[in-house]
N, C-alpha and C. Protein backbone atom coordinates (compact mmCIF):
# COMPACT_ATOMS: atom_id res chain seq x y z
N PRO A 1 43.15 70.21 118.24
CA PRO A 1 43.02 69.16 117.23
C PRO A 1 43.94 69.40 116.04
N GLN A 2 44.38 68.34 115.42
CA GLN A 2 45.26 68.44 114.25
C GLN A 2 44.49 68.95 113.04
N PRO A 3 45.12 69.81 112.23
CA PRO A 3 44.45 70.23 110.99
C PRO A 3 44.20 69.00 110.12
N ARG A 4 43.11 69.02 109.40
CA ARG A 4 42.77 67.92 108.51
C ARG A 4 43.06 68.36 107.09
N TYR A 5 43.52 67.44 106.29
CA TYR A 5 43.97 67.77 104.94
C TYR A 5 43.19 67.01 103.87
N GLY A 6 43.05 67.64 102.72
CA GLY A 6 42.44 67.03 101.55
C GLY A 6 43.27 67.37 100.33
N SER A 7 42.70 67.14 99.16
CA SER A 7 43.40 67.40 97.91
C SER A 7 42.49 68.14 96.94
N ILE A 8 43.13 68.79 95.96
CA ILE A 8 42.41 69.47 94.89
C ILE A 8 42.92 68.89 93.57
N SER A 9 42.01 68.41 92.73
CA SER A 9 42.37 67.93 91.40
C SER A 9 41.90 68.97 90.39
N ILE A 10 42.84 69.45 89.57
CA ILE A 10 42.54 70.50 88.60
C ILE A 10 42.78 69.97 87.19
N LYS A 11 41.73 69.99 86.39
CA LYS A 11 41.86 69.65 84.97
C LYS A 11 41.67 70.94 84.19
N CYS A 12 42.69 71.32 83.42
CA CYS A 12 42.64 72.58 82.67
C CYS A 12 42.86 72.28 81.19
N ASN A 13 42.18 73.04 80.34
CA ASN A 13 42.30 72.83 78.90
C ASN A 13 43.63 73.34 78.34
N GLN A 14 44.44 74.01 79.16
CA GLN A 14 45.74 74.52 78.73
C GLN A 14 46.83 74.06 79.70
N GLY A 15 47.96 73.65 79.16
CA GLY A 15 49.12 73.36 79.99
C GLY A 15 49.90 74.63 80.27
N GLU A 16 50.80 74.56 81.24
CA GLU A 16 51.70 75.67 81.58
C GLU A 16 50.98 76.92 82.07
N ALA A 17 49.77 76.77 82.61
CA ALA A 17 49.09 77.90 83.24
C ALA A 17 49.44 77.88 84.73
N LYS A 18 49.61 79.04 85.32
CA LYS A 18 49.99 79.13 86.73
C LYS A 18 48.77 78.99 87.63
N ILE A 19 48.92 78.19 88.69
CA ILE A 19 47.85 77.97 89.66
C ILE A 19 48.21 78.70 90.96
N PHE A 20 47.28 79.54 91.42
CA PHE A 20 47.45 80.25 92.69
C PHE A 20 46.33 79.85 93.64
N LEU A 21 46.67 79.60 94.91
CA LEU A 21 45.68 79.36 95.96
C LEU A 21 45.79 80.50 96.95
N ASN A 22 44.70 81.22 97.17
CA ASN A 22 44.68 82.37 98.08
C ASN A 22 45.86 83.31 97.81
N GLY A 23 46.15 83.53 96.52
CA GLY A 23 47.19 84.48 96.14
C GLY A 23 48.61 83.94 96.14
N THR A 24 48.80 82.68 96.52
CA THR A 24 50.13 82.08 96.56
C THR A 24 50.32 81.14 95.38
N TYR A 25 51.41 81.35 94.62
CA TYR A 25 51.71 80.47 93.49
C TYR A 25 51.99 79.06 94.00
N ILE A 26 51.36 78.06 93.38
CA ILE A 26 51.53 76.67 93.81
C ILE A 26 52.31 75.85 92.78
N THR A 27 51.83 75.85 91.53
CA THR A 27 52.43 75.03 90.48
C THR A 27 51.83 75.45 89.14
N THR A 28 52.13 74.70 88.08
CA THR A 28 51.51 74.96 86.79
C THR A 28 50.65 73.77 86.37
N THR A 29 49.71 74.05 85.46
CA THR A 29 48.86 72.99 84.93
C THR A 29 49.64 72.18 83.91
N SER A 30 49.12 71.01 83.58
CA SER A 30 49.68 70.22 82.49
C SER A 30 48.50 69.70 81.67
N ILE A 31 48.79 68.91 80.66
CA ILE A 31 47.70 68.38 79.84
C ILE A 31 46.92 67.30 80.59
N TYR A 32 47.46 66.84 81.69
CA TYR A 32 46.78 65.85 82.53
C TYR A 32 46.28 66.54 83.79
N PRO A 33 45.25 65.98 84.43
CA PRO A 33 44.79 66.60 85.69
C PRO A 33 45.95 66.68 86.70
N LYS A 34 46.01 67.80 87.39
CA LYS A 34 47.07 68.05 88.38
C LYS A 34 46.43 67.95 89.76
N THR A 35 47.01 67.15 90.65
CA THR A 35 46.47 67.01 92.00
C THR A 35 47.38 67.72 92.99
N LEU A 36 46.79 68.63 93.75
CA LEU A 36 47.49 69.32 94.82
C LEU A 36 47.16 68.58 96.10
N LYS A 37 48.17 68.02 96.76
CA LYS A 37 47.94 67.19 97.94
C LYS A 37 48.26 67.96 99.22
N ASP A 38 47.78 67.42 100.34
CA ASP A 38 48.05 67.98 101.67
C ASP A 38 47.64 69.44 101.77
N ILE A 39 46.43 69.73 101.28
CA ILE A 39 45.86 71.08 101.38
C ILE A 39 44.97 71.10 102.62
N GLU A 40 45.23 72.04 103.52
CA GLU A 40 44.44 72.11 104.75
C GLU A 40 42.97 72.35 104.40
N ALA A 41 42.08 71.64 105.09
CA ALA A 41 40.65 71.78 104.84
C ALA A 41 40.22 73.23 105.03
N GLY A 42 39.32 73.70 104.17
CA GLY A 42 38.83 75.07 104.28
C GLY A 42 38.46 75.62 102.91
N TYR A 43 38.14 76.91 102.90
CA TYR A 43 37.75 77.59 101.66
C TYR A 43 38.96 78.24 101.01
N TYR A 44 39.02 78.19 99.70
CA TYR A 44 40.14 78.76 98.95
C TYR A 44 39.64 79.51 97.73
N GLU A 45 40.36 80.60 97.41
CA GLU A 45 40.19 81.24 96.11
C GLU A 45 41.27 80.64 95.22
N ILE A 46 40.88 80.20 94.05
CA ILE A 46 41.84 79.63 93.12
C ILE A 46 41.85 80.49 91.86
N VAL A 47 43.06 80.81 91.40
CA VAL A 47 43.24 81.63 90.20
C VAL A 47 44.16 80.87 89.26
N ILE A 48 43.78 80.81 87.99
CA ILE A 48 44.60 80.16 86.98
C ILE A 48 44.90 81.20 85.89
N ILE A 49 46.20 81.41 85.64
CA ILE A 49 46.64 82.49 84.75
C ILE A 49 47.62 81.94 83.72
N LYS A 50 47.43 82.36 82.48
CA LYS A 50 48.39 82.05 81.42
C LYS A 50 48.44 83.25 80.48
N ASP A 51 49.65 83.64 80.08
CA ASP A 51 49.79 84.76 79.15
C ASP A 51 48.98 84.51 77.89
N GLY A 52 48.23 85.54 77.46
CA GLY A 52 47.43 85.44 76.26
C GLY A 52 46.05 84.84 76.47
N PHE A 53 45.74 84.49 77.74
CA PHE A 53 44.44 83.90 78.07
C PHE A 53 43.78 84.69 79.19
N ARG A 54 42.45 84.64 79.23
CA ARG A 54 41.72 85.29 80.32
C ARG A 54 41.96 84.52 81.61
N ALA A 55 42.17 85.25 82.70
CA ALA A 55 42.35 84.61 84.00
C ALA A 55 41.05 83.92 84.42
N TRP A 56 41.19 82.79 85.08
CA TRP A 56 40.03 82.08 85.63
C TRP A 56 40.11 82.21 87.15
N ILE A 57 39.02 82.65 87.76
CA ILE A 57 38.98 82.84 89.21
C ILE A 57 37.77 82.09 89.75
N GLY A 58 37.98 81.31 90.79
CA GLY A 58 36.88 80.57 91.39
C GLY A 58 37.14 80.34 92.87
N GLU A 59 36.13 79.82 93.54
CA GLU A 59 36.27 79.47 94.95
C GLU A 59 35.89 78.01 95.12
N LEU A 60 36.53 77.36 96.06
CA LEU A 60 36.18 75.98 96.35
C LEU A 60 36.43 75.68 97.81
N GLU A 61 35.86 74.58 98.26
CA GLU A 61 36.08 74.13 99.63
C GLU A 61 36.79 72.79 99.59
N VAL A 62 37.83 72.67 100.42
CA VAL A 62 38.57 71.42 100.56
C VAL A 62 38.07 70.73 101.82
N PHE A 63 37.75 69.46 101.69
CA PHE A 63 37.25 68.67 102.82
C PHE A 63 38.32 67.68 103.26
N PRO A 64 38.38 67.37 104.55
CA PRO A 64 39.38 66.43 105.05
C PRO A 64 39.29 65.08 104.35
N GLU A 65 40.45 64.57 103.93
CA GLU A 65 40.58 63.25 103.35
C GLU A 65 39.70 63.02 102.11
N GLU A 66 39.37 64.11 101.40
CA GLU A 66 38.61 64.01 100.15
C GLU A 66 39.35 64.77 99.05
N VAL A 67 39.01 64.43 97.81
CA VAL A 67 39.56 65.15 96.65
C VAL A 67 38.45 66.03 96.09
N THR A 68 38.71 67.34 96.02
CA THR A 68 37.80 68.29 95.39
C THR A 68 38.28 68.47 93.96
N SER A 69 37.43 68.14 92.99
CA SER A 69 37.83 68.20 91.57
C SER A 69 37.18 69.38 90.88
N ILE A 70 37.97 70.08 90.06
CA ILE A 70 37.43 71.15 89.23
C ILE A 70 37.95 70.99 87.81
N GLU A 71 37.15 71.44 86.86
CA GLU A 71 37.53 71.44 85.46
C GLU A 71 37.49 72.88 84.99
N VAL A 72 38.60 73.36 84.44
CA VAL A 72 38.74 74.76 84.08
C VAL A 72 39.03 74.89 82.59
N ASN A 73 38.29 75.75 81.92
CA ASN A 73 38.57 76.08 80.53
C ASN A 73 38.91 77.56 80.46
N ILE A 74 40.16 77.85 80.13
CA ILE A 74 40.54 79.26 79.96
C ILE A 74 40.50 79.59 78.48
N THR A 75 40.10 80.82 78.18
CA THR A 75 39.92 81.21 76.78
C THR A 75 40.97 82.22 76.35
N GLU A 76 41.35 82.10 75.10
CA GLU A 76 42.36 82.99 74.53
C GLU A 76 41.81 84.40 74.39
N ILE A 77 42.69 85.36 74.60
CA ILE A 77 42.33 86.77 74.40
C ILE A 77 42.68 87.12 72.96
N PHE A 78 41.69 87.55 72.22
CA PHE A 78 41.93 87.94 70.82
C PHE A 78 41.99 89.46 70.75
N LYS A 79 43.02 89.97 70.08
CA LYS A 79 43.19 91.42 70.00
C LYS A 79 42.76 91.93 68.65
């Protein structure tokens, strides 16, 4: 059977943060929700990293022909 694909919509409170899926760099966030398309259905670890901010790590499941939406707030590291 053909792999089935879905999408992930990521809304982040910071732009220019790096998005990784299962350890692979995909793209950066912007001030608008970012949609990652043609993601094979399954479970993923998602990591969002920006210099000066705490990394955000989560897990999600992508379903065929559906959009999985997450909202991420990363916090500044104060020294």
